[in-house]
Amino acid sequence: MTREKRPRGRPKDDAKKTALLDAARALLLARGPDVTIDEIAASAGIAKATVYANFADKNALIEAVIRRESDMTITDEQLVRLAKSLSVNY
């Protein structure tokens, strides 16, 4: 019988990561890149250590915010396909 190795530490909490990304997005839009990790953590209601458990540094967090925003957008081609599927003229 082989045992699976468990990852060290607590399991990652997706709700905290989402709150962190939401807070970072809002503060970055409002204040720009001068916002601090402490401010982002406080706004998200999480500990600063949780930020660093999910992201190596502020640049990695900013990159994740940008990547998430990019993932939520659709291309013109996707919009046309969606409109056609809904029988809407676009």
PDB file of N, CA and C in Angstrom:
ATOM      1  N   MET A   1       0.850  -1.180   0.000  1.00  0.00           N
ATOM      2  CA  MET A   1       0.000   0.000   0.000  1.00  0.00           C
ATOM      3  C   MET A   1       0.892   1.238   0.000  1.00  0.00           C
ATOM      4  N   THR A   2       0.675   2.106  -0.965  1.00  0.00           N
ATOM      5  CA  THR A   2       1.454   3.336  -1.032  1.00  0.00           C
ATOM      6  C   THR A   2       0.609   4.497  -0.539  1.00  0.00           C
ATOM      7  N   ARG A   3       1.266   5.366   0.151  1.00  0.00           N
ATOM      8  CA  ARG A   3       0.592   6.551   0.676  1.00  0.00           C
ATOM      9  C   ARG A   3       0.845   7.740  -0.225  1.00  0.00           C
ATOM     10  N   GLU A   4      -0.211   8.501  -0.460  1.00  0.00           N
ATOM     11  CA  GLU A   4      -0.046   9.741  -1.219  1.00  0.00           C
ATOM     12  C   GLU A   4       0.557  10.787  -0.303  1.00  0.00           C
ATOM     13  N   LYS A   5       1.499  11.537  -0.850  1.00  0.00           N
ATOM     14  CA  LYS A   5       2.087  12.616  -0.075  1.00  0.00           C
ATOM     15  C   LYS A   5       1.135  13.794  -0.027  1.00  0.00           C
ATOM     16  N   ARG A   6       0.866  14.262   1.143  1.00  0.00           N
ATOM     17  CA  ARG A   6       0.020  15.437   1.304  1.00  0.00           C
ATOM     18  C   ARG A   6       0.862  16.692   1.156  1.00  0.00           C
ATOM     19  N   PRO A   7       0.292  17.713   0.524  1.00  0.00           N
ATOM     20  CA  PRO A   7       1.025  18.972   0.436  1.00  0.00           C
ATOM     21  C   PRO A   7       1.215  19.568   1.824  1.00  0.00           C
ATOM     22  N   ARG A   8       2.310  20.286   2.005  1.00  0.00           N
ATOM     23  CA  ARG A   8       2.578  20.897   3.302  1.00  0.00           C
ATOM     24  C   ARG A   8       1.677  22.111   3.506  1.00  0.00           C
ATOM     25  N   GLY A   9       1.365  22.379   4.737  1.00  0.00           N
ATOM     26  CA  GLY A   9       0.573  23.555   5.079  1.00  0.00           C
ATOM     27  C   GLY A   9      -0.910  23.362   4.840  1.00  0.00           C
ATOM     28  N   ARG A  10      -1.625  24.441   5.029  1.00  0.00           N
ATOM     29  CA  ARG A  10      -3.073  24.410   4.841  1.00  0.00           C
ATOM     30  C   ARG A  10      -3.405  24.387   3.354  1.00  0.00           C
ATOM     31  N   PRO A  11      -4.545  23.795   3.013  1.00  0.00           N
ATOM     32  CA  PRO A  11      -4.969  23.850   1.605  1.00  0.00           C
ATOM     33  C   PRO A  11      -5.331  25.281   1.224  1.00  0.00           C
ATOM     34  N   LYS A  12      -5.142  25.611  -0.038  1.00  0.00           N
ATOM     35  CA  LYS A  12      -5.467  26.955  -0.526  1.00  0.00           C
ATOM     36  C   LYS A  12      -6.982  27.161  -0.509  1.00  0.00           C
ATOM     37  N   ASP A  13      -7.400  28.345  -0.105  1.00  0.00           N
ATOM     38  CA  ASP A  13      -8.809  28.709  -0.033  1.00  0.00           C
ATOM     39  C   ASP A  13      -9.144  29.575  -1.250  1.00  0.00           C
ATOM     40  N   ASP A  14      -9.911  29.018  -2.180  1.00  0.00           N
ATOM     41  CA  ASP A  14     -10.252  29.745  -3.406  1.00  0.00           C
ATOM     42  C   ASP A  14     -11.040  31.018  -3.123  1.00  0.00           C
ATOM     43  N   ALA A  15     -11.861  31.018  -2.080  1.00  0.00           N
ATOM     44  CA  ALA A  15     -12.644  32.213  -1.747  1.00  0.00           C
ATOM     45  C   ALA A  15     -11.717  33.359  -1.331  1.00  0.00           C
ATOM     46  N   LYS A  16     -10.666  33.043  -0.603  1.00  0.00           N
ATOM     47  CA  LYS A  16      -9.717  34.077  -0.192  1.00  0.00           C
ATOM     48  C   LYS A  16      -8.941  34.605  -1.392  1.00  0.00           C
ATOM     49  N   LYS A  17      -8.583  33.715  -2.293  1.00  0.00           N
ATOM     50  CA  LYS A  17      -7.857  34.150  -3.489  1.00  0.00           C
ATOM     51  C   LYS A  17      -8.738  35.048  -4.345  1.00  0.00           C
ATOM     52  N   THR A  18     -10.009  34.708  -4.467  1.00  0.00           N
ATOM     53  CA  THR A  18     -10.947  35.538  -5.225  1.00  0.00           C
ATOM     54  C   THR A  18     -11.103  36.904  -4.564  1.00  0.00           C
ATOM     55  N   ALA A  19     -11.251  36.924  -3.243  1.00  0.00           N
ATOM     56  CA  ALA A  19     -11.374  38.188  -2.508  1.00  0.00           C
ATOM     57  C   ALA A  19     -10.116  39.027  -2.688  1.00  0.00           C
ATOM     58  N   LEU A  20      -8.978  38.382  -2.681  1.00  0.00           N
ATOM     59  CA  LEU A  20      -7.711  39.069  -2.864  1.00  0.00           C
ATOM     60  C   LEU A  20      -7.615  39.688  -4.264  1.00  0.00           C
ATOM     61  N   LEU A  21      -7.976  38.928  -5.284  1.00  0.00           N
ATOM     62  CA  LEU A  21      -7.940  39.446  -6.652  1.00  0.00           C
ATOM     63  C   LEU A  21      -8.948  40.576  -6.850  1.00  0.00           C
ATOM     64  N   ASP A  22     -10.129  40.444  -6.255  1.00  0.00           N
ATOM     65  CA  ASP A  22     -11.146  41.499  -6.344  1.00  0.00           C
ATOM     66  C   ASP A  22     -10.655  42.792  -5.682  1.00  0.00           C
ATOM     67  N   ALA A  23     -10.079  42.650  -4.493  1.00  0.00           N
ATOM     68  CA  ALA A  23      -9.579  43.821  -3.767  1.00  0.00           C
ATOM     69  C   ALA A  23      -8.414  44.468  -4.516  1.00  0.00           C
ATOM     70  N   ALA A  24      -7.517  43.648  -5.031  1.00  0.00           N
ATOM     71  CA  ALA A  24      -6.369  44.174  -5.770  1.00  0.00           C
ATOM     72  C   ALA A  24      -6.841  44.928  -7.005  1.00  0.00           C
ATOM     73  N   ARG A  25      -7.801  44.376  -7.728  1.00  0.00           N
ATOM     74  CA  ARG A  25      -8.325  45.027  -8.934  1.00  0.00           C
ATOM     75  C   ARG A  25      -8.913  46.391  -8.590  1.00  0.00           C
ATOM     76  N   ALA A  26      -9.776  46.413  -7.570  1.00  0.00           N
ATOM     77  CA  ALA A  26     -10.435  47.660  -7.185  1.00  0.00           C
ATOM     78  C   ALA A  26      -9.422  48.722  -6.757  1.00  0.00           C
ATOM     79  N   LEU A  27      -8.454  48.330  -5.950  1.00  0.00           N
ATOM     80  CA  LEU A  27      -7.470  49.296  -5.469  1.00  0.00           C
ATOM     81  C   LEU A  27      -6.510  49.733  -6.574  1.00  0.00           C
ATOM     82  N   LEU A  28      -6.144  48.825  -7.449  1.00  0.00           N
ATOM     83  CA  LEU A  28      -5.269  49.194  -8.563  1.00  0.00           C
ATOM     84  C   LEU A  28      -5.965  50.182  -9.500  1.00  0.00           C
ATOM     85  N   LEU A  29      -7.251  49.971  -9.731  1.00  0.00           N
ATOM     86  CA  LEU A  29      -8.004  50.900 -10.575  1.00  0.00           C
ATOM     87  C   LEU A  29      -8.168  52.262  -9.904  1.00  0.00           C
ATOM     88  N   ALA A  30      -8.352  52.248  -8.599  1.00  0.00           N
ATOM     89  CA  ALA A  30      -8.586  53.494  -7.871  1.00  0.00           C
ATOM     90  C   ALA A  30      -7.299  54.269  -7.594  1.00  0.00           C
ATOM     91  N   ARG A  31      -6.233  53.549  -7.276  1.00  0.00           N
ATOM     92  CA  ARG A  31      -5.022  54.224  -6.803  1.00  0.00           C
ATOM     93  C   ARG A  31      -3.788  53.985  -7.653  1.00  0.00           C
ATOM     94  N   GLY A  32      -3.872  53.019  -8.566  1.00  0.00           N
ATOM     95  CA  GLY A  32      -2.717  52.724  -9.403  1.00  0.00           C
ATOM     96  C   GLY A  32      -1.746  51.777  -8.710  1.00  0.00           C
ATOM     97  N   PRO A  33      -0.578  51.613  -9.299  1.00  0.00           N
ATOM     98  CA  PRO A  33       0.375  50.617  -8.804  1.00  0.00           C
ATOM     99  C   PRO A  33       1.045  50.979  -7.482  1.00  0.00           C
ATOM    100  N   ASP A  34       0.781  52.162  -6.952  1.00  0.00           N
ATOM    101  CA  ASP A  34       1.384  52.544  -5.671  1.00  0.00           C
ATOM    102  C   ASP A  34       0.693  51.915  -4.469  1.00  0.00           C
ATOM    103  N   VAL A  35      -0.419  51.234  -4.698  1.00  0.00           N
ATOM    104  CA  VAL A  35      -1.120  50.559  -3.597  1.00  0.00           C
ATOM    105  C   VAL A  35      -0.182  49.503  -3.002  1.00  0.00           C
ATOM    106  N   THR A  36      -0.281  49.318  -1.696  1.00  0.00           N
ATOM    107  CA  THR A  36       0.622  48.371  -1.032  1.00  0.00           C
ATOM    108  C   THR A  36      -0.057  47.020  -0.814  1.00  0.00           C
ATOM    109  N   ILE A  37       0.763  46.018  -0.598  1.00  0.00           N
ATOM    110  CA  ILE A  37       0.260  44.677  -0.276  1.00  0.00           C
ATOM    111  C   ILE A  37      -0.551  44.732   1.013  1.00  0.00           C
ATOM    112  N   ASP A  38      -0.103  45.517   1.981  1.00  0.00           N
ATOM    113  CA  ASP A  38      -0.851  45.657   3.240  1.00  0.00           C
ATOM    114  C   ASP A  38      -2.262  46.188   2.990  1.00  0.00           C
ATOM    115  N   GLU A  39      -2.389  47.182   2.130  1.00  0.00           N
ATOM    116  CA  GLU A  39      -3.700  47.762   1.819  1.00  0.00           C
ATOM    117  C   GLU A  39      -4.590  46.756   1.094  1.00  0.00           C
ATOM    118  N   ILE A  40      -4.002  46.014   0.174  1.00  0.00           N
ATOM    119  CA  ILE A  40      -4.775  45.005  -0.559  1.00  0.00           C
ATOM    120  C   ILE A  40      -5.259  43.913   0.393  1.00  0.00           C
ATOM    121  N   ALA A  41      -4.376  43.433   1.247  1.00  0.00           N
ATOM    122  CA  ALA A  41      -4.752  42.390   2.210  1.00  0.00           C
ATOM    123  C   ALA A  41      -5.861  42.879   3.140  1.00  0.00           C
ATOM    124  N   ALA A  42      -5.724  44.099   3.639  1.00  0.00           N
ATOM    125  CA  ALA A  42      -6.736  44.651   4.545  1.00  0.00           C
ATOM    126  C   ALA A  42      -8.080  44.781   3.835  1.00  0.00           C
ATOM    127  N   SER A  43      -8.057  45.255   2.602  1.00  0.00           N
ATOM    128  CA  SER A  43      -9.296  45.411   1.844  1.00  0.00           C
ATOM    129  C   SER A  43      -9.960  44.064   1.579  1.00  0.00           C
ATOM    130  N   ALA A  44      -9.158  43.033   1.382  1.00  0.00           N
ATOM    131  CA  ALA A  44      -9.685  41.694   1.121  1.00  0.00           C
ATOM    132  C   ALA A  44     -10.098  40.978   2.408  1.00  0.00           C
ATOM    133  N   GLY A  45      -9.686  41.518   3.542  1.00  0.00           N
ATOM    134  CA  GLY A  45     -10.013  40.886   4.821  1.00  0.00           C
ATOM    135  C   GLY A  45      -9.198  39.634   5.079  1.00  0.00           C
ATOM    136  N   ILE A  46      -7.971  39.637   4.584  1.00  0.00           N
ATOM    137  CA  ILE A  46      -7.086  38.480   4.784  1.00  0.00           C
ATOM    138  C   ILE A  46      -5.760  38.946   5.352  1.00  0.00           C
ATOM    139  N   ALA A  47      -4.984  38.007   5.843  1.00  0.00           N
ATOM    140  CA  ALA A  47      -3.667  38.323   6.379  1.00  0.00           C
ATOM    141  C   ALA A  47      -2.668  38.525   5.241  1.00  0.00           C
ATOM    142  N   LYS A  48      -1.683  39.362   5.497  1.00  0.00           N
ATOM    143  CA  LYS A  48      -0.637  39.614   4.509  1.00  0.00           C
ATOM    144  C   LYS A  48       0.061  38.305   4.128  1.00  0.00           C
ATOM    145  N   ALA A  49       0.214  37.412   5.078  1.00  0.00           N
ATOM    146  CA  ALA A  49       0.857  36.117   4.810  1.00  0.00           C
ATOM    147  C   ALA A  49       0.075  35.324   3.769  1.00  0.00           C
ATOM    148  N   THR A  50      -1.242  35.483   3.753  1.00  0.00           N
ATOM    149  CA  THR A  50      -2.078  34.784   2.772  1.00  0.00           C
ATOM    150  C   THR A  50      -1.793  35.298   1.366  1.00  0.00           C
ATOM    151  N   VAL A  51      -1.502  36.580   1.238  1.00  0.00           N
ATOM    152  CA  VAL A  51      -1.135  37.135  -0.064  1.00  0.00           C
ATOM    153  C   VAL A  51       0.106  36.417  -0.567  1.00  0.00           C
ATOM    154  N   TYR A  52       1.120  36.327   0.293  1.00  0.00           N
ATOM    155  CA  TYR A  52       2.375  35.709  -0.108  1.00  0.00           C
ATOM    156  C   TYR A  52       2.288  34.189  -0.214  1.00  0.00           C
ATOM    157  N   ALA A  53       1.271  33.595   0.368  1.00  0.00           N
ATOM    158  CA  ALA A  53       1.051  32.155   0.183  1.00  0.00           C
ATOM    159  C   ALA A  53       0.508  31.874  -1.218  1.00  0.00           C
ATOM    160  N   ASN A  54      -0.121  32.879  -1.824  1.00  0.00           N
ATOM    161  CA  ASN A  54      -0.713  32.735  -3.154  1.00  0.00           C
ATOM    162  C   ASN A  54       0.120  33.364  -4.268  1.00  0.00           C
ATOM    163  N   PHE A  55       0.889  34.391  -3.948  1.00  0.00           N
ATOM    164  CA  PHE A  55       1.656  35.122  -4.954  1.00  0.00           C
ATOM    165  C   PHE A  55       3.049  35.430  -4.428  1.00  0.00           C
ATOM    166  N   ALA A  56       4.031  35.334  -5.303  1.00  0.00           N
ATOM    167  CA  ALA A  56       5.423  35.545  -4.902  1.00  0.00           C
ATOM    168  C   ALA A  56       5.684  36.991  -4.471  1.00  0.00           C
ATOM    169  N   ASP A  57       5.044  37.939  -5.157  1.00  0.00           N
ATOM    170  CA  ASP A  57       5.244  39.354  -4.852  1.00  0.00           C
ATOM    171  C   ASP A  57       4.111  40.171  -5.465  1.00  0.00           C
ATOM    172  N   LYS A  58       4.194  41.486  -5.313  1.00  0.00           N
ATOM    173  CA  LYS A  58       3.129  42.353  -5.820  1.00  0.00           C
ATOM    174  C   LYS A  58       3.016  42.265  -7.341  1.00  0.00           C
ATOM    175  N   ASN A  59       4.130  42.145  -8.015  1.00  0.00           N
ATOM    176  CA  ASN A  59       4.085  42.028  -9.476  1.00  0.00           C
ATOM    177  C   ASN A  59       3.333  40.780  -9.922  1.00  0.00           C
ATOM    178  N   ALA A  60       3.520  39.674  -9.224  1.00  0.00           N
ATOM    179  CA  ALA A  60       2.806  38.434  -9.556  1.00  0.00           C
ATOM    180  C   ALA A  60       1.306  38.608  -9.317  1.00  0.00           C
ATOM    181  N   LEU A  61       0.948  39.334  -8.267  1.00  0.00           N
ATOM    182  CA  LEU A  61      -0.464  39.605  -7.979  1.00  0.00           C
ATOM    183  C   LEU A  61      -1.064  40.481  -9.075  1.00  0.00           C
ATOM    184  N   ILE A  62      -0.354  41.525  -9.473  1.00  0.00           N
ATOM    185  CA  ILE A  62      -0.844  42.400 -10.543  1.00  0.00           C
ATOM    186  C   ILE A  62      -1.007  41.617 -11.837  1.00  0.00           C
ATOM    187  N   GLU A  63      -0.050  40.761 -12.129  1.00  0.00           N
ATOM    188  CA  GLU A  63      -0.141  39.923 -13.331  1.00  0.00           C
ATOM    189  C   GLU A  63      -1.375  39.024 -13.284  1.00  0.00           C
ATOM    190  N   ALA A  64      -1.671  38.466 -12.117  1.00  0.00           N
ATOM    191  CA  ALA A  64      -2.850  37.603 -11.970  1.00  0.00           C
ATOM    192  C   ALA A  64      -4.141  38.386 -12.167  1.00  0.00           C
ATOM    193  N   VAL A  65      -4.181  39.628 -11.684  1.00  0.00           N
ATOM    194  CA  VAL A  65      -5.358  40.478 -11.878  1.00  0.00           C
ATOM    195  C   VAL A  65      -5.554  40.744 -13.366  1.00  0.00           C
ATOM    196  N   ILE A  66      -4.476  41.092 -14.046  1.00  0.00           N
ATOM    197  CA  ILE A  66      -4.554  41.370 -15.490  1.00  0.00           C
ATOM    198  C   ILE A  66      -4.959  40.115 -16.250  1.00  0.00           C
ATOM    199  N   ARG A  67      -4.383  38.972 -15.897  1.00  0.00           N
ATOM    200  CA  ARG A  67      -4.722  37.713 -16.572  1.00  0.00           C
ATOM    201  C   ARG A  67      -6.193  37.365 -16.374  1.00  0.00           C
ATOM    202  N   ARG A  68      -6.701  37.567 -15.165  1.00  0.00           N
ATOM    203  CA  ARG A  68      -8.110  37.264 -14.891  1.00  0.00           C
ATOM    204  C   ARG A  68      -9.026  38.186 -15.690  1.00  0.00           C
ATOM    205  N   GLU A  69      -8.686  39.469 -15.765  1.00  0.00           N
ATOM    206  CA  GLU A  69      -9.478  40.407 -16.559  1.00  0.00           C
ATOM    207  C   GLU A  69      -9.462  40.002 -18.029  1.00  0.00           C
ATOM    208  N   SER A  70      -8.312  39.619 -18.506  1.00  0.00           N
ATOM    209  CA  SER A  70      -8.173  39.195 -19.899  1.00  0.00           C
ATOM    210  C   SER A  70      -9.009  37.947 -20.176  1.00  0.00           C
ATOM    211  N   ASP A  71      -9.011  37.029 -19.240  1.00  0.00           N
ATOM    212  CA  ASP A  71      -9.788  35.794 -19.402  1.00  0.00           C
ATOM    213  C   ASP A  71     -11.288  36.057 -19.432  1.00  0.00           C
ATOM    214  N   MET A  72     -11.719  37.170 -18.825  1.00  0.00           N
ATOM    215  CA  MET A  72     -13.151  37.464 -18.761  1.00  0.00           C
ATOM    216  C   MET A  72     -13.654  38.214 -19.986  1.00  0.00           C
ATOM    217  N   THR A  73     -12.766  38.639 -20.862  1.00  0.00           N
ATOM    218  CA  THR A  73     -13.191  39.339 -22.065  1.00  0.00           C
ATOM    219  C   THR A  73     -13.400  38.345 -23.197  1.00  0.00           C
ATOM    220  N   ILE A  74     -14.188  38.756 -24.173  1.00  0.00           N
ATOM    221  CA  ILE A  74     -14.405  37.888 -25.319  1.00  0.00           C
ATOM    222  C   ILE A  74     -13.988  38.626 -26.588  1.00  0.00           C
ATOM    223  N   THR A  75     -13.628  37.854 -27.583  1.00  0.00           N
ATOM    224  CA  THR A  75     -13.220  38.445 -28.856  1.00  0.00           C
ATOM    225  C   THR A  75     -14.457  38.828 -29.663  1.00  0.00           C
ATOM    226  N   ASP A  76     -14.239  39.619 -30.712  1.00  0.00           N
ATOM    227  CA  ASP A  76     -15.347  39.993 -31.603  1.00  0.00           C
ATOM    228  C   ASP A  76     -15.973  38.746 -32.223  1.00  0.00           C
ATOM    229  N   GLU A  77     -15.133  37.802 -32.594  1.00  0.00           N
ATOM    230  CA  GLU A  77     -15.636  36.552 -33.192  1.00  0.00           C
ATOM    231  C   GLU A  77     -16.537  35.801 -32.212  1.00  0.00           C
ATOM    232  N   GLN A  78     -16.128  35.747 -30.954  1.00  0.00           N
ATOM    233  CA  GLN A  78     -16.942  35.078 -29.943  1.00  0.00           C
ATOM    234  C   GLN A  78     -18.262  35.821 -29.743  1.00  0.00           C
ATOM    235  N   LEU A  79     -18.233  37.143 -29.798  1.00  0.00           N
ATOM    236  CA  LEU A  79     -19.446  37.940 -29.642  1.00  0.00           C
ATOM    237  C   LEU A  79     -20.416  37.670 -30.788  1.00  0.00           C
ATOM    238  N   VAL A  80     -19.914  37.609 -32.011  1.00  0.00           N
ATOM    239  CA  VAL A  80     -20.769  37.334 -33.169  1.00  0.00           C
ATOM    240  C   VAL A  80     -21.387  35.948 -33.044  1.00  0.00           C
ATOM    241  N   ARG A  81     -20.575  34.957 -32.654  1.00  0.00           N
ATOM    242  CA  ARG A  81     -21.109  33.600 -32.474  1.00  0.00           C
ATOM    243  C   ARG A  81     -22.187  33.573 -31.399  1.00  0.00           C
ATOM    244  N   LEU A  82     -21.952  34.277 -30.316  1.00  0.00           N
ATOM    245  CA  LEU A  82     -22.937  34.336 -29.237  1.00  0.00           C
ATOM    246  C   LEU A  82     -24.217  35.001 -29.723  1.00  0.00           C
ATOM    247  N   ALA A  83     -24.077  36.106 -30.439  1.00  0.00           N
ATOM    248  CA  ALA A  83     -25.248  36.813 -30.964  1.00  0.00           C
ATOM    249  C   ALA A  83     -26.037  35.922 -31.913  1.00  0.00           C
ATOM    250  N   LYS A  84     -25.331  35.191 -32.773  1.00  0.00           N
ATOM    251  CA  LYS A  84     -26.011  34.282 -33.703  1.00  0.00           C
ATOM    252  C   LYS A  84     -26.733  33.173 -32.951  1.00  0.00           C
ATOM    253  N   SER A  85     -26.116  32.667 -31.910  1.00  0.00           N
ATOM    254  CA  SER A  85     -26.752  31.597 -31.144  1.00  0.00           C
ATOM    255  C   SER A  85     -27.993  32.091 -30.427  1.00  0.00           C
ATOM    256  N   LEU A  86     -28.031  33.390 -30.119  1.00  0.00           N
ATOM    257  CA  LEU A  86     -29.195  33.979 -29.454  1.00  0.00           C
ATOM    258  C   LEU A  86     -30.158  34.607 -30.450  1.00  0.00           C
ATOM    259  N   SER A  87     -29.856  34.468 -31.739  1.00  0.00           N
ATOM    260  CA  SER A  87     -30.658  35.035 -32.834  1.00  0.00           C
ATOM    261  C   SER A  87     -30.769  36.549 -32.740  1.00  0.00           C
ATOM    262  N   VAL A  88     -29.662  37.191 -32.446  1.00  0.00           N
ATOM    263  CA  VAL A  88     -29.617  38.644 -32.359  1.00  0.00           C
ATOM    264  C   VAL A  88     -28.734  39.125 -33.514  1.00  0.00           C
ATOM    265  N   ASN A  89     -29.180  40.174 -34.183  1.00  0.00           N
ATOM    266  CA  ASN A  89     -28.365  40.737 -35.263  1.00  0.00           C
ATOM    267  C   ASN A  89     -27.302  41.635 -34.668  1.00  0.00           C
ATOM    268  N   TYR A  90     -26.055  41.382 -35.057  1.00  0.00           N
ATOM    269  CA  TYR A  90     -24.948  42.201 -34.583  1.00  0.00           C
ATOM    270  C   TYR A  90     -24.085  42.565 -35.747  1.00  0.00           C
TER     271      TYR A  90
END
